[in-house]
Amino acid sequence: MVWPFLAHLHPRLLSVPYVSSIVHFFFFIEYLKTVTLMSVLSTTLIELRIVLQTLSFG
């Protein structure tokens, strides 16, 4: 990823509140995407299991 590289190259950039908030916002969005993906996957797996159980009993 580019962000840690930039932060490593320019540590003074992160001391600027504006840049720091942008970086934190970026990581927050990534975190939200990951959590959403995980919940969608688990919901899909649960639905698949219910469908398979229904088919096997039917």
C-alpha atoms as a PDB file:
ATOM      1  CA  MET A   1       0.000   0.000   0.000  1.00  0.00           C
ATOM      2  CA  VAL A   2       1.052   3.569  -0.645  1.00  0.00           C
ATOM      3  CA  TRP A   3      -0.001   5.151   2.639  1.00  0.00           C
ATOM      4  CA  PRO A   4       2.503   3.477   5.009  1.00  0.00           C
ATOM      5  CA  PHE A   5       5.214   4.176   2.446  1.00  0.00           C
ATOM      6  CA  LEU A   6       4.284   7.864   2.391  1.00  0.00           C
ATOM      7  CA  ALA A   7       4.101   7.971   6.170  1.00  0.00           C
ATOM      8  CA  HIS A   8       7.529   6.367   6.354  1.00  0.00           C
ATOM      9  CA  LEU A   9       8.979   8.787   3.814  1.00  0.00           C
ATOM     10  CA  HIS A  10       7.457  11.913   5.332  1.00  0.00           C
ATOM     11  CA  PRO A  11       6.780  11.512   9.069  1.00  0.00           C
ATOM     12  CA  ARG A  12       6.159  15.257   9.274  1.00  0.00           C
ATOM     13  CA  LEU A  13       3.180  14.855   6.939  1.00  0.00           C
ATOM     14  CA  LEU A  14       1.305  12.901   9.591  1.00  0.00           C
ATOM     15  CA  SER A  15       1.863  15.633  12.154  1.00  0.00           C
ATOM     16  CA  VAL A  16      -0.297  17.919  10.016  1.00  0.00           C
ATOM     17  CA  PRO A  17      -3.865  17.425  11.338  1.00  0.00           C
ATOM     18  CA  TYR A  18      -5.432  17.608   7.868  1.00  0.00           C
ATOM     19  CA  VAL A  19      -3.200  14.892   6.392  1.00  0.00           C
ATOM     20  CA  SER A  20      -3.500  12.791   9.529  1.00  0.00           C
ATOM     21  CA  SER A  21      -7.297  12.899   9.412  1.00  0.00           C
ATOM     22  CA  ILE A  22      -7.257  11.925   5.720  1.00  0.00           C
ATOM     23  CA  VAL A  23      -5.074   8.906   6.491  1.00  0.00           C
ATOM     24  CA  HIS A  24      -7.247   7.895   9.438  1.00  0.00           C
ATOM     25  CA  PHE A  25     -10.374   8.302   7.307  1.00  0.00           C
ATOM     26  CA  PHE A  26      -8.819   6.106   4.607  1.00  0.00           C
ATOM     27  CA  PHE A  27      -8.021   3.338   7.077  1.00  0.00           C
ATOM     28  CA  PHE A  28     -11.504   3.667   8.617  1.00  0.00           C
ATOM     29  CA  ILE A  29     -13.093   3.157   5.172  1.00  0.00           C
ATOM     30  CA  GLU A  30     -10.887   0.104   4.575  1.00  0.00           C
ATOM     31  CA  TYR A  31     -11.935  -1.274   7.974  1.00  0.00           C
ATOM     32  CA  LEU A  32     -15.612  -0.708   7.190  1.00  0.00           C
ATOM     33  CA  LYS A  33     -15.258  -2.461   3.830  1.00  0.00           C
ATOM     34  CA  THR A  34     -13.597  -5.455   5.489  1.00  0.00           C
ATOM     35  CA  VAL A  35     -16.260  -5.713   8.210  1.00  0.00           C
ATOM     36  CA  THR A  36     -19.047  -5.421   5.622  1.00  0.00           C
ATOM     37  CA  LEU A  37     -17.455  -8.093   3.460  1.00  0.00           C
ATOM     38  CA  MET A  38     -17.089 -10.448   6.423  1.00  0.00           C
ATOM     39  CA  SER A  39     -20.716  -9.996   7.502  1.00  0.00           C
ATOM     40  CA  VAL A  40     -21.964 -10.538   3.948  1.00  0.00           C
ATOM     41  CA  LEU A  41     -19.867 -13.692   3.644  1.00  0.00           C
ATOM     42  CA  SER A  42     -21.082 -15.114   6.955  1.00  0.00           C
ATOM     43  CA  THR A  43     -24.713 -14.318   6.070  1.00  0.00           C
ATOM     44  CA  THR A  44     -24.286 -16.029   2.704  1.00  0.00           C
ATOM     45  CA  LEU A  45     -22.756 -19.096   4.353  1.00  0.00           C
ATOM     46  CA  ILE A  46     -25.623 -19.320   6.857  1.00  0.00           C
ATOM     47  CA  GLU A  47     -28.188 -19.018   4.047  1.00  0.00           C
ATOM     48  CA  LEU A  48     -26.388 -21.694   2.036  1.00  0.00           C
ATOM     49  CA  ARG A  49     -26.410 -24.034   5.017  1.00  0.00           C
ATOM     50  CA  ILE A  50     -30.145 -23.476   5.541  1.00  0.00           C
ATOM     51  CA  VAL A  51     -30.832 -24.147   1.847  1.00  0.00           C
ATOM     52  CA  LEU A  52     -28.735 -27.326   1.922  1.00  0.00           C
ATOM     53  CA  GLN A  53     -30.509 -28.562   5.058  1.00  0.00           C
ATOM     54  CA  THR A  54     -33.881 -27.836   3.472  1.00  0.00           C
ATOM     55  CA  LEU A  55     -32.901 -29.704   0.301  1.00  0.00           C
ATOM     56  CA  SER A  56     -31.577 -32.716   2.184  1.00  0.00           C
ATOM     57  CA  PHE A  57     -34.717 -32.986   4.328  1.00  0.00           C
ATOM     58  CA  GLY A  58     -37.017 -32.389   1.366  1.00  0.00           C
END
